[in-house]
PDB file of all heavy atoms in Angstrom:
ATOM      1  N   LEU A   1     -14.398   3.193  -9.788  1.00  0.00           N
ATOM      2  CA  LEU A   1     -14.503   1.910 -10.469  1.00  0.00           C
ATOM      3  C   LEU A   1     -15.335   0.940  -9.679  1.00  0.00           C
ATOM      4  O   LEU A   1     -15.178   0.712  -8.451  1.00  0.00           O
ATOM      5  CB  LEU A   1     -13.046   1.312 -10.574  1.00  0.00           C
ATOM      6  CG  LEU A   1     -12.138   2.154 -11.496  1.00  0.00           C
ATOM      7  CD1 LEU A   1     -10.684   1.668 -11.330  1.00  0.00           C
ATOM      8  CD2 LEU A   1     -12.585   2.114 -12.919  1.00  0.00           C
ATOM      9  N   PRO A   2     -16.324   0.281 -10.358  1.00  0.00           N
ATOM     10  CA  PRO A   2     -17.170  -0.649  -9.677  1.00  0.00           C
ATOM     11  C   PRO A   2     -16.534  -2.017  -9.597  1.00  0.00           C
ATOM     12  O   PRO A   2     -15.538  -2.389 -10.192  1.00  0.00           O
ATOM     13  CB  PRO A   2     -18.424  -0.757 -10.593  1.00  0.00           C
ATOM     14  CG  PRO A   2     -17.747  -0.535 -11.974  1.00  0.00           C
ATOM     15  CD  PRO A   2     -16.598   0.420 -11.765  1.00  0.00           C
ATOM     16  N   GLY A   3     -17.113  -2.866  -8.695  1.00  0.00           N
ATOM     17  CA  GLY A   3     -16.744  -4.346  -8.672  1.00  0.00           C
ATOM     18  C   GLY A   3     -15.453  -4.552  -7.965  1.00  0.00           C
ATOM     19  O   GLY A   3     -14.955  -3.807  -7.182  1.00  0.00           O
ATOM     20  N   ALA A   4     -14.797  -5.759  -8.338  1.00  0.00           N
ATOM     21  CA  ALA A   4     -13.641  -6.231  -7.686  1.00  0.00           C
ATOM     22  C   ALA A   4     -12.431  -5.255  -7.797  1.00  0.00           C
ATOM     23  O   ALA A   4     -11.788  -5.028  -6.792  1.00  0.00           O
ATOM     24  CB  ALA A   4     -13.280  -7.604  -8.257  1.00  0.00           C
ATOM     25  N   PRO A   5     -12.131  -4.717  -8.978  1.00  0.00           N
ATOM     26  CA  PRO A   5     -10.962  -3.804  -9.062  1.00  0.00           C
ATOM     27  C   PRO A   5     -11.163  -2.603  -8.089  1.00  0.00           C
ATOM     28  O   PRO A   5     -10.160  -2.182  -7.453  1.00  0.00           O
ATOM     29  CB  PRO A   5     -10.987  -3.380 -10.503  1.00  0.00           C
ATOM     30  CG  PRO A   5     -11.596  -4.496 -11.216  1.00  0.00           C
ATOM     31  CD  PRO A   5     -12.701  -4.986 -10.319  1.00  0.00           C
ATOM     32  N   GLY A   6     -12.309  -2.035  -8.036  1.00  0.00           N
ATOM     33  CA  GLY A   6     -12.609  -0.907  -7.171  1.00  0.00           C
ATOM     34  C   GLY A   6     -12.395  -1.169  -5.685  1.00  0.00           C
ATOM     35  O   GLY A   6     -11.723  -0.474  -4.970  1.00  0.00           O
ATOM     36  N   LEU A   7     -12.912  -2.362  -5.224  1.00  0.00           N
ATOM     37  CA  LEU A   7     -12.696  -2.754  -3.851  1.00  0.00           C
ATOM     38  C   LEU A   7     -11.260  -2.934  -3.498  1.00  0.00           C
ATOM     39  O   LEU A   7     -10.781  -2.542  -2.460  1.00  0.00           O
ATOM     40  CB  LEU A   7     -13.586  -4.012  -3.533  1.00  0.00           C
ATOM     41  CG  LEU A   7     -13.605  -4.419  -2.075  1.00  0.00           C
ATOM     42  CD1 LEU A   7     -14.985  -4.863  -1.730  1.00  0.00           C
ATOM     43  CD2 LEU A   7     -12.555  -5.522  -1.772  1.00  0.00           C
ATOM     44  N   LEU A   8     -10.519  -3.612  -4.450  1.00  0.00           N
ATOM     45  CA  LEU A   8      -9.090  -3.844  -4.205  1.00  0.00           C
ATOM     46  C   LEU A   8      -8.331  -2.540  -4.136  1.00  0.00           C
ATOM     47  O   LEU A   8      -7.446  -2.336  -3.290  1.00  0.00           O
ATOM     48  CB  LEU A   8      -8.533  -4.673  -5.366  1.00  0.00           C
ATOM     49  CG  LEU A   8      -8.512  -6.171  -5.170  1.00  0.00           C
ATOM     50  CD1 LEU A   8      -7.890  -6.862  -6.411  1.00  0.00           C
ATOM     51  CD2 LEU A   8      -7.716  -6.599  -3.930  1.00  0.00           C
ATOM     52  N   LEU A   9      -8.696  -1.581  -4.975  1.00  0.00           N
ATOM     53  CA  LEU A   9      -7.997  -0.313  -4.993  1.00  0.00           C
ATOM     54  C   LEU A   9      -8.278   0.411  -3.703  1.00  0.00           C
ATOM     55  O   LEU A   9      -7.358   1.178  -3.190  1.00  0.00           O
ATOM     56  CB  LEU A   9      -8.434   0.506  -6.189  1.00  0.00           C
ATOM     57  CG  LEU A   9      -7.889  -0.006  -7.545  1.00  0.00           C
ATOM     58  CD1 LEU A   9      -8.663   0.550  -8.718  1.00  0.00           C
ATOM     59  CD2 LEU A   9      -6.388   0.377  -7.665  1.00  0.00           C
ATOM     60  N   TRP A  10      -9.513   0.402  -3.187  1.00  0.00           N
ATOM     61  CA  TRP A  10      -9.819   1.056  -1.943  1.00  0.00           C
ATOM     62  C   TRP A  10      -9.060   0.373  -0.801  1.00  0.00           C
ATOM     63  O   TRP A  10      -8.616   1.086   0.090  1.00  0.00           O
ATOM     64  CB  TRP A  10     -11.321   1.103  -1.704  1.00  0.00           C
ATOM     65  CG  TRP A  10     -11.983   2.100  -2.557  1.00  0.00           C
ATOM     66  CD1 TRP A  10     -13.015   1.902  -3.430  1.00  0.00           C
ATOM     67  CD2 TRP A  10     -11.736   3.539  -2.564  1.00  0.00           C
ATOM     68  NE1 TRP A  10     -13.399   3.055  -4.002  1.00  0.00           N
ATOM     69  CE2 TRP A  10     -12.625   4.062  -3.514  1.00  0.00           C
ATOM     70  CE3 TRP A  10     -10.890   4.374  -1.899  1.00  0.00           C
ATOM     71  CZ2 TRP A  10     -12.708   5.430  -3.791  1.00  0.00           C
ATOM     72  CZ3 TRP A  10     -10.933   5.706  -2.216  1.00  0.00           C
ATOM     73  CH2 TRP A  10     -11.815   6.249  -3.133  1.00  0.00           C
ATOM     74  N   ALA A  11      -8.998  -0.906  -0.800  1.00  0.00           N
ATOM     75  CA  ALA A  11      -8.251  -1.623   0.259  1.00  0.00           C
ATOM     76  C   ALA A  11      -6.765  -1.266   0.217  1.00  0.00           C
ATOM     77  O   ALA A  11      -6.120  -1.002   1.264  1.00  0.00           O
ATOM     78  CB  ALA A  11      -8.355  -3.141   0.102  1.00  0.00           C
ATOM     79  N   MET A  12      -6.186  -1.149  -1.018  1.00  0.00           N
ATOM     80  CA  MET A  12      -4.782  -0.789  -1.126  1.00  0.00           C
ATOM     81  C   MET A  12      -4.585   0.639  -0.694  1.00  0.00           C
ATOM     82  O   MET A  12      -3.598   1.057  -0.035  1.00  0.00           O
ATOM     83  CB  MET A  12      -4.358  -0.889  -2.588  1.00  0.00           C
ATOM     84  CG  MET A  12      -4.122  -2.299  -3.059  1.00  0.00           C
ATOM     85  SD  MET A  12      -3.781  -2.396  -4.877  1.00  0.00           S
ATOM     86  CE  MET A  12      -2.199  -1.585  -4.923  1.00  0.00           C
ATOM     87  N   THR A  13      -5.544   1.547  -0.944  1.00  0.00           N
ATOM     88  CA  THR A  13      -5.489   2.937  -0.571  1.00  0.00           C
ATOM     89  C   THR A  13      -5.505   3.039   0.960  1.00  0.00           C
ATOM     90  O   THR A  13      -4.601   3.742   1.548  1.00  0.00           O
ATOM     91  CB  THR A  13      -6.670   3.704  -1.131  1.00  0.00           C
ATOM     92  OG1 THR A  13      -6.653   3.653  -2.512  1.00  0.00           O
ATOM     93  CG2 THR A  13      -6.603   5.190  -0.681  1.00  0.00           C
ATOM     94  N   GLY A  14      -6.417   2.360   1.585  1.00  0.00           N
ATOM     95  CA  GLY A  14      -6.451   2.429   3.063  1.00  0.00           C
ATOM     96  C   GLY A  14      -5.209   1.938   3.775  1.00  0.00           C
ATOM     97  O   GLY A  14      -4.651   2.439   4.671  1.00  0.00           O
ATOM     98  N   ALA A  15      -4.807   0.727   3.278  1.00  0.00           N
ATOM     99  CA  ALA A  15      -3.585   0.098   3.868  1.00  0.00           C
ATOM    100  C   ALA A  15      -2.360   0.947   3.647  1.00  0.00           C
ATOM    101  O   ALA A  15      -1.497   1.112   4.533  1.00  0.00           O
ATOM    102  CB  ALA A  15      -3.349  -1.309   3.293  1.00  0.00           C
ATOM    103  N   THR A  16      -2.272   1.581   2.410  1.00  0.00           N
ATOM    104  CA  THR A  16      -1.054   2.365   2.146  1.00  0.00           C
ATOM    105  C   THR A  16      -1.042   3.703   2.936  1.00  0.00           C
ATOM    106  O   THR A  16      -0.048   4.158   3.341  1.00  0.00           O
ATOM    107  CB  THR A  16      -0.995   2.667   0.647  1.00  0.00           C
ATOM    108  OG1 THR A  16      -0.987   1.437  -0.071  1.00  0.00           O
ATOM    109  CG2 THR A  16       0.236   3.380   0.296  1.00  0.00           C
ATOM    110  N   LEU A  17      -2.229   4.228   3.144  1.00  0.00           N
ATOM    111  CA  LEU A  17      -2.369   5.455   4.024  1.00  0.00           C
ATOM    112  C   LEU A  17      -1.886   5.183   5.398  1.00  0.00           C
ATOM    113  O   LEU A  17      -1.176   5.959   5.966  1.00  0.00           O
ATOM    114  CB  LEU A  17      -3.810   5.941   3.963  1.00  0.00           C
ATOM    115  CG  LEU A  17      -4.268   6.686   2.757  1.00  0.00           C
ATOM    116  CD1 LEU A  17      -5.769   6.978   2.839  1.00  0.00           C
ATOM    117  CD2 LEU A  17      -3.529   8.022   2.619  1.00  0.00           C
ATOM    118  N   GLY A  18      -2.240   3.995   5.919  1.00  0.00           N
ATOM    119  CA  GLY A  18      -1.780   3.620   7.293  1.00  0.00           C
ATOM    120  C   GLY A  18      -0.256   3.466   7.266  1.00  0.00           C
ATOM    121  O   GLY A  18       0.392   3.954   8.161  1.00  0.00           O
ATOM    122  N   PHE A  19       0.275   2.815   6.289  1.00  0.00           N
ATOM    123  CA  PHE A  19       1.721   2.649   6.178  1.00  0.00           C
ATOM    124  C   PHE A  19       2.419   4.009   6.034  1.00  0.00           C
ATOM    125  O   PHE A  19       3.460   4.220   6.608  1.00  0.00           O
ATOM    126  CB  PHE A  19       2.041   1.745   5.015  1.00  0.00           C
ATOM    127  CG  PHE A  19       3.533   1.635   4.751  1.00  0.00           C
ATOM    128  CD1 PHE A  19       4.325   0.870   5.550  1.00  0.00           C
ATOM    129  CD2 PHE A  19       4.065   2.296   3.672  1.00  0.00           C
ATOM    130  CE1 PHE A  19       5.715   0.762   5.280  1.00  0.00           C
ATOM    131  CE2 PHE A  19       5.499   2.268   3.405  1.00  0.00           C
ATOM    132  CZ  PHE A  19       6.303   1.470   4.272  1.00  0.00           C
ATOM    133  N   THR A  20       1.851   4.894   5.266  1.00  0.00           N
ATOM    134  CA  THR A  20       2.463   6.201   5.025  1.00  0.00           C
ATOM    135  C   THR A  20       2.594   6.986   6.320  1.00  0.00           C
ATOM    136  O   THR A  20       3.638   7.763   6.487  1.00  0.00           O
ATOM    137  CB  THR A  20       1.620   7.029   3.966  1.00  0.00           C
ATOM    138  OG1 THR A  20       1.516   6.246   2.804  1.00  0.00           O
ATOM    139  CG2 THR A  20       2.350   8.325   3.632  1.00  0.00           C
ATOM    140  N   ALA A  21       1.727   6.807   7.259  1.00  0.00           N
ATOM    141  CA  ALA A  21       1.837   7.462   8.518  1.00  0.00           C
ATOM    142  C   ALA A  21       3.101   7.135   9.238  1.00  0.00           C
ATOM    143  O   ALA A  21       3.595   7.998  10.004  1.00  0.00           O
ATOM    144  CB  ALA A  21       0.631   7.142   9.372  1.00  0.00           C
ATOM    145  N   TYR A  22       3.642   5.966   9.001  1.00  0.00           N
ATOM    146  CA  TYR A  22       4.922   5.555   9.634  1.00  0.00           C
ATOM    147  C   TYR A  22       6.085   5.660   8.659  1.00  0.00           C
ATOM    148  O   TYR A  22       7.229   5.649   9.148  1.00  0.00           O
ATOM    149  CB  TYR A  22       4.757   4.061  10.068  1.00  0.00           C
ATOM    150  CG  TYR A  22       3.931   3.881  11.310  1.00  0.00           C
ATOM    151  CD1 TYR A  22       2.526   3.863  11.298  1.00  0.00           C
ATOM    152  CD2 TYR A  22       4.546   3.636  12.542  1.00  0.00           C
ATOM    153  CE1 TYR A  22       1.785   3.635  12.370  1.00  0.00           C
ATOM    154  CE2 TYR A  22       3.782   3.414  13.701  1.00  0.00           C
ATOM    155  CZ  TYR A  22       2.391   3.393  13.579  1.00  0.00           C
ATOM    156  OH  TYR A  22       1.608   3.228  14.697  1.00  0.00           O
ATOM    157  N   ASN A  23       5.833   5.768   7.388  1.00  0.00           N
ATOM    158  CA  ASN A  23       6.938   5.784   6.430  1.00  0.00           C
ATOM    159  C   ASN A  23       7.253   7.178   5.887  1.00  0.00           C
ATOM    160  O   ASN A  23       8.199   7.350   5.174  1.00  0.00           O
ATOM    161  CB  ASN A  23       6.611   4.799   5.251  1.00  0.00           C
ATOM    162  CG  ASN A  23       7.704   4.589   4.240  1.00  0.00           C
ATOM    163  OD1 ASN A  23       7.568   4.933   3.091  1.00  0.00           O
ATOM    164  ND2 ASN A  23       8.775   4.051   4.751  1.00  0.00           N
ATOM    165  N   TRP A  24       6.372   8.156   6.220  1.00  0.00           N
ATOM    166  CA  TRP A  24       6.604   9.503   5.724  1.00  0.00           C
ATOM    167  C   TRP A  24       7.952  10.059   6.311  1.00  0.00           C
ATOM    168  O   TRP A  24       8.261   9.777   7.459  1.00  0.00           O
ATOM    169  CB  TRP A  24       5.457  10.416   6.081  1.00  0.00           C
ATOM    170  CG  TRP A  24       5.565  11.804   5.450  1.00  0.00           C
ATOM    171  CD1 TRP A  24       5.930  12.931   6.065  1.00  0.00           C
ATOM    172  CD2 TRP A  24       5.359  12.058   4.070  1.00  0.00           C
ATOM    173  NE1 TRP A  24       5.934  13.940   5.174  1.00  0.00           N
ATOM    174  CE2 TRP A  24       5.609  13.443   3.845  1.00  0.00           C
ATOM    175  CE3 TRP A  24       4.991  11.313   2.990  1.00  0.00           C
ATOM    176  CZ2 TRP A  24       5.560  14.082   2.646  1.00  0.00           C
ATOM    177  CZ3 TRP A  24       4.866  11.963   1.699  1.00  0.00           C
ATOM    178  CH2 TRP A  24       5.153  13.354   1.613  1.00  0.00           C
ATOM    179  N   PRO A  25       8.742  10.769   5.551  1.00  0.00           N
ATOM    180  CA  PRO A  25      10.018  11.233   6.037  1.00  0.00           C
ATOM    181  C   PRO A  25       9.885  12.126   7.242  1.00  0.00           C
ATOM    182  O   PRO A  25       9.042  12.969   7.331  1.00  0.00           O
ATOM    183  CB  PRO A  25      10.538  12.083   4.841  1.00  0.00           C
ATOM    184  CG  PRO A  25       9.764  11.616   3.627  1.00  0.00           C
ATOM    185  CD  PRO A  25       8.478  11.186   4.167  1.00  0.00           C
ATOM    186  N   PRO A  26      10.750  11.819   8.283  1.00  0.00           N
ATOM    187  CA  PRO A  26      11.725  10.733   8.366  1.00  0.00           C
ATOM    188  C   PRO A  26      10.984   9.447   8.796  1.00  0.00           C
ATOM    189  O   PRO A  26      10.248   9.407   9.766  1.00  0.00           O
ATOM    190  CB  PRO A  26      12.657  11.184   9.468  1.00  0.00           C
ATOM    191  CG  PRO A  26      11.854  12.080  10.339  1.00  0.00           C
ATOM    192  CD  PRO A  26      10.835  12.801   9.427  1.00  0.00           C
ATOM    193  N   ALA A  27      11.278   8.358   8.033  1.00  0.00           N
ATOM    194  CA  ALA A  27      10.530   7.137   8.187  1.00  0.00           C
ATOM    195  C   ALA A  27      10.890   6.425   9.550  1.00  0.00           C
ATOM    196  O   ALA A  27      12.098   6.378   9.948  1.00  0.00           O
ATOM    197  CB  ALA A  27      10.837   6.164   7.098  1.00  0.00           C
ATOM    198  N   ARG A  28       9.828   5.914  10.171  1.00  0.00           N
ATOM    199  CA  ARG A  28      10.008   5.100  11.340  1.00  0.00           C
ATOM    200  C   ARG A  28      10.244   3.622  11.037  1.00  0.00           C
ATOM    201  O   ARG A  28      10.745   2.807  11.819  1.00  0.00           O
ATOM    202  CB  ARG A  28       8.873   5.247  12.342  1.00  0.00           C
ATOM    203  CG  ARG A  28       8.690   6.624  12.879  1.00  0.00           C
ATOM    204  CD  ARG A  28       7.380   6.772  13.710  1.00  0.00           C
ATOM    205  NE  ARG A  28       7.353   5.802  14.791  1.00  0.00           N
ATOM    206  CZ  ARG A  28       6.261   5.579  15.515  1.00  0.00           C
ATOM    207  NH1 ARG A  28       5.171   6.228  15.301  1.00  0.00           N
ATOM    208  NH2 ARG A  28       6.307   4.701  16.491  1.00  0.00           N
ATOM    209  N   ILE A  29       9.796   3.274   9.811  1.00  0.00           N
ATOM    210  CA  ILE A  29       9.873   1.839   9.337  1.00  0.00           C
ATOM    211  C   ILE A  29       9.943   1.859   7.846  1.00  0.00           C
ATOM    212  O   ILE A  29       9.354   2.760   7.169  1.00  0.00           O
ATOM    213  CB  ILE A  29       8.670   0.997   9.832  1.00  0.00           C
ATOM    214  CG1 ILE A  29       8.974  -0.482   9.615  1.00  0.00           C
ATOM    215  CG2 ILE A  29       7.394   1.442   9.270  1.00  0.00           C
ATOM    216  CD1 ILE A  29       8.053  -1.395  10.354  1.00  0.00           C
ATOM    217  N   PHE A  30      10.689   0.907   7.244  1.00  0.00           N
ATOM    218  CA  PHE A  30      10.737   0.740   5.802  1.00  0.00           C
ATOM    219  C   PHE A  30       9.688  -0.287   5.330  1.00  0.00           C
ATOM    220  O   PHE A  30       9.236  -1.160   6.070  1.00  0.00           O
ATOM    221  CB  PHE A  30      12.122   0.256   5.314  1.00  0.00           C
ATOM    222  CG  PHE A  30      13.195   1.300   5.708  1.00  0.00           C
ATOM    223  CD1 PHE A  30      14.461   0.876   5.902  1.00  0.00           C
ATOM    224  CD2 PHE A  30      12.894   2.627   5.810  1.00  0.00           C
ATOM    225  CE1 PHE A  30      15.509   1.714   6.217  1.00  0.00           C
ATOM    226  CE2 PHE A  30      13.905   3.559   6.108  1.00  0.00           C
ATOM    227  CZ  PHE A  30      15.198   3.108   6.359  1.00  0.00           C
ATOM    228  N   MET A  31       9.344  -0.242   4.024  1.00  0.00           N
ATOM    229  CA  MET A  31       8.432  -1.157   3.445  1.00  0.00           C
ATOM    230  C   MET A  31       9.050  -2.525   3.356  1.00  0.00           C
ATOM    231  O   MET A  31       8.372  -3.546   3.662  1.00  0.00           O
ATOM    232  CB  MET A  31       8.017  -0.685   2.022  1.00  0.00           C
ATOM    233  CG  MET A  31       6.994  -1.577   1.296  1.00  0.00           C
ATOM    234  SD  MET A  31       6.528  -0.968  -0.293  1.00  0.00           S
ATOM    235  CE  MET A  31       5.523   0.400   0.145  1.00  0.00           C
ATOM    236  N   GLY A  32      10.270  -2.646   2.889  1.00  0.00           N
ATOM    237  CA  GLY A  32      10.896  -3.963   2.723  1.00  0.00           C
ATOM    238  C   GLY A  32      10.452  -4.674   1.467  1.00  0.00           C
ATOM    239  O   GLY A  32       9.469  -4.266   0.842  1.00  0.00           O
ATOM    240  N   ASP A  33      11.128  -5.763   1.157  1.00  0.00           N
ATOM    241  CA  ASP A  33      10.706  -6.541  -0.064  1.00  0.00           C
ATOM    242  C   ASP A  33       9.371  -7.125   0.076  1.00  0.00           C
ATOM    243  O   ASP A  33       8.668  -7.371  -0.927  1.00  0.00           O
ATOM    244  CB  ASP A  33      11.739  -7.639  -0.310  1.00  0.00           C
ATOM    245  CG  ASP A  33      13.092  -7.122  -0.774  1.00  0.00           C
ATOM    246  OD1 ASP A  33      13.185  -5.910  -1.016  1.00  0.00           O
ATOM    247  OD2 ASP A  33      14.029  -7.912  -0.907  1.00  0.00           O
ATOM    248  N   VAL A  34       8.928  -7.452   1.310  1.00  0.00           N
ATOM    249  CA  VAL A  34       7.638  -8.058   1.519  1.00  0.00           C
ATOM    250  C   VAL A  34       6.536  -7.155   0.899  1.00  0.00           C
ATOM    251  O   VAL A  34       5.548  -7.662   0.356  1.00  0.00           O
ATOM    252  CB  VAL A  34       7.376  -8.336   3.009  1.00  0.00           C
ATOM    253  CG1 VAL A  34       7.440  -7.011   3.815  1.00  0.00           C
ATOM    254  CG2 VAL A  34       6.033  -8.975   3.219  1.00  0.00           C
ATOM    255  N   GLY A  35       6.684  -5.816   0.979  1.00  0.00           N
ATOM    256  CA  GLY A  35       5.730  -4.936   0.426  1.00  0.00           C
ATOM    257  C   GLY A  35       5.939  -4.580  -0.984  1.00  0.00           C
ATOM    258  O   GLY A  35       5.021  -4.547  -1.778  1.00  0.00           O
ATOM    259  N   SER A  36       7.186  -4.298  -1.278  1.00  0.00           N
ATOM    260  CA  SER A  36       7.466  -3.780  -2.669  1.00  0.00           C
ATOM    261  C   SER A  36       7.211  -4.820  -3.786  1.00  0.00           C
ATOM    262  O   SER A  36       6.702  -4.533  -4.891  1.00  0.00           O
ATOM    263  CB  SER A  36       8.916  -3.224  -2.775  1.00  0.00           C
ATOM    264  OG  SER A  36       9.831  -4.268  -2.544  1.00  0.00           O
ATOM    265  N   LEU A  37       7.599  -6.081  -3.488  1.00  0.00           N
ATOM    266  CA  LEU A  37       7.359  -7.156  -4.446  1.00  0.00           C
ATOM    267  C   LEU A  37       5.839  -7.367  -4.619  1.00  0.00           C
ATOM    268  O   LEU A  37       5.322  -7.542  -5.754  1.00  0.00           O
ATOM    269  CB  LEU A  37       8.011  -8.456  -4.025  1.00  0.00           C
ATOM    270  CG  LEU A  37       9.544  -8.448  -3.925  1.00  0.00           C
ATOM    271  CD1 LEU A  37      10.102  -9.740  -3.483  1.00  0.00           C
ATOM    272  CD2 LEU A  37      10.170  -8.056  -5.293  1.00  0.00           C
ATOM    273  N   PHE A  38       5.103  -7.407  -3.536  1.00  0.00           N
ATOM    274  CA  PHE A  38       3.642  -7.609  -3.561  1.00  0.00           C
ATOM    275  C   PHE A  38       2.955  -6.498  -4.377  1.00  0.00           C
ATOM    276  O   PHE A  38       2.168  -6.767  -5.227  1.00  0.00           O
ATOM    277  CB  PHE A  38       3.126  -7.600  -2.084  1.00  0.00           C
ATOM    278  CG  PHE A  38       1.664  -7.730  -1.960  1.00  0.00           C
ATOM    279  CD1 PHE A  38       1.069  -9.012  -1.883  1.00  0.00           C
ATOM    280  CD2 PHE A  38       0.835  -6.623  -1.852  1.00  0.00           C
ATOM    281  CE1 PHE A  38      -0.315  -9.124  -1.742  1.00  0.00           C
ATOM    282  CE2 PHE A  38      -0.571  -6.772  -1.656  1.00  0.00           C
ATOM    283  CZ  PHE A  38      -1.138  -8.073  -1.628  1.00  0.00           C
ATOM    284  N   LEU A  39       3.342  -5.265  -4.060  1.00  0.00           N
ATOM    285  CA  LEU A  39       2.743  -4.107  -4.789  1.00  0.00           C
ATOM    286  C   LEU A  39       3.141  -4.121  -6.246  1.00  0.00           C
ATOM    287  O   LEU A  39       2.323  -3.739  -7.126  1.00  0.00           O
ATOM    288  CB  LEU A  39       3.084  -2.830  -4.111  1.00  0.00           C
ATOM    289  CG  LEU A  39       2.399  -2.562  -2.743  1.00  0.00           C
ATOM    290  CD1 LEU A  39       2.993  -1.294  -2.099  1.00  0.00           C
ATOM    291  CD2 LEU A  39       0.935  -2.381  -2.896  1.00  0.00           C
ATOM    292  N   GLY A  40       4.396  -4.407  -6.540  1.00  0.00           N
ATOM    293  CA  GLY A  40       4.862  -4.396  -7.904  1.00  0.00           C
ATOM    294  C   GLY A  40       4.051  -5.319  -8.807  1.00  0.00           C
ATOM    295  O   GLY A  40       3.660  -4.948  -9.896  1.00  0.00           O
ATOM    296  N   LEU A  41       3.710  -6.497  -8.280  1.00  0.00           N
ATOM    297  CA  LEU A  41       3.003  -7.442  -9.097  1.00  0.00           C
ATOM    298  C   LEU A  41       1.472  -7.107  -9.126  1.00  0.00           C
ATOM    299  O   LEU A  41       0.883  -7.058 -10.196  1.00  0.00           O
ATOM    300  CB  LEU A  41       3.097  -8.898  -8.522  1.00  0.00           C
ATOM    301  CG  LEU A  41       2.337  -9.921  -9.293  1.00  0.00           C
ATOM    302  CD1 LEU A  41       2.703 -10.032 -10.757  1.00  0.00           C
ATOM    303  CD2 LEU A  41       2.553 -11.335  -8.659  1.00  0.00           C
ATOM    304  N   LEU A  42       0.948  -6.674  -7.976  1.00  0.00           N
ATOM    305  CA  LEU A  42      -0.525  -6.421  -7.913  1.00  0.00           C
ATOM    306  C   LEU A  42      -0.909  -5.236  -8.713  1.00  0.00           C
ATOM    307  O   LEU A  42      -1.920  -5.184  -9.447  1.00  0.00           O
ATOM    308  CB  LEU A  42      -0.938  -6.288  -6.475  1.00  0.00           C
ATOM    309  CG  LEU A  42      -2.430  -6.128  -6.245  1.00  0.00           C
ATOM    310  CD1 LEU A  42      -3.271  -7.216  -6.923  1.00  0.00           C
ATOM    311  CD2 LEU A  42      -2.797  -5.999  -4.769  1.00  0.00           C
ATOM    312  N   ILE A  43      -0.084  -4.146  -8.687  1.00  0.00           N
ATOM    313  CA  ILE A  43      -0.336  -2.979  -9.472  1.00  0.00           C
ATOM    314  C   ILE A  43      -0.296  -3.262 -10.940  1.00  0.00           C
ATOM    315  O   ILE A  43      -1.161  -2.862 -11.744  1.00  0.00           O
ATOM    316  CB  ILE A  43       0.564  -1.842  -9.093  1.00  0.00           C
ATOM    317  CG1 ILE A  43       0.245  -1.295  -7.718  1.00  0.00           C
ATOM    318  CG2 ILE A  43       0.517  -0.672 -10.089  1.00  0.00           C
ATOM    319  CD1 ILE A  43       1.177  -0.245  -7.204  1.00  0.00           C
TER     320      ILE A  43
END
């Protein structure tokens, strides 16, 4: 995807990959409402 949506999606992909390294079972840290509410609206 070109333009703004594409850049946002790649930023979300990179950030989520980093988070997954710590959240993959067994998780060292949880996402919390700070992440789930943000992602729920943005997606």
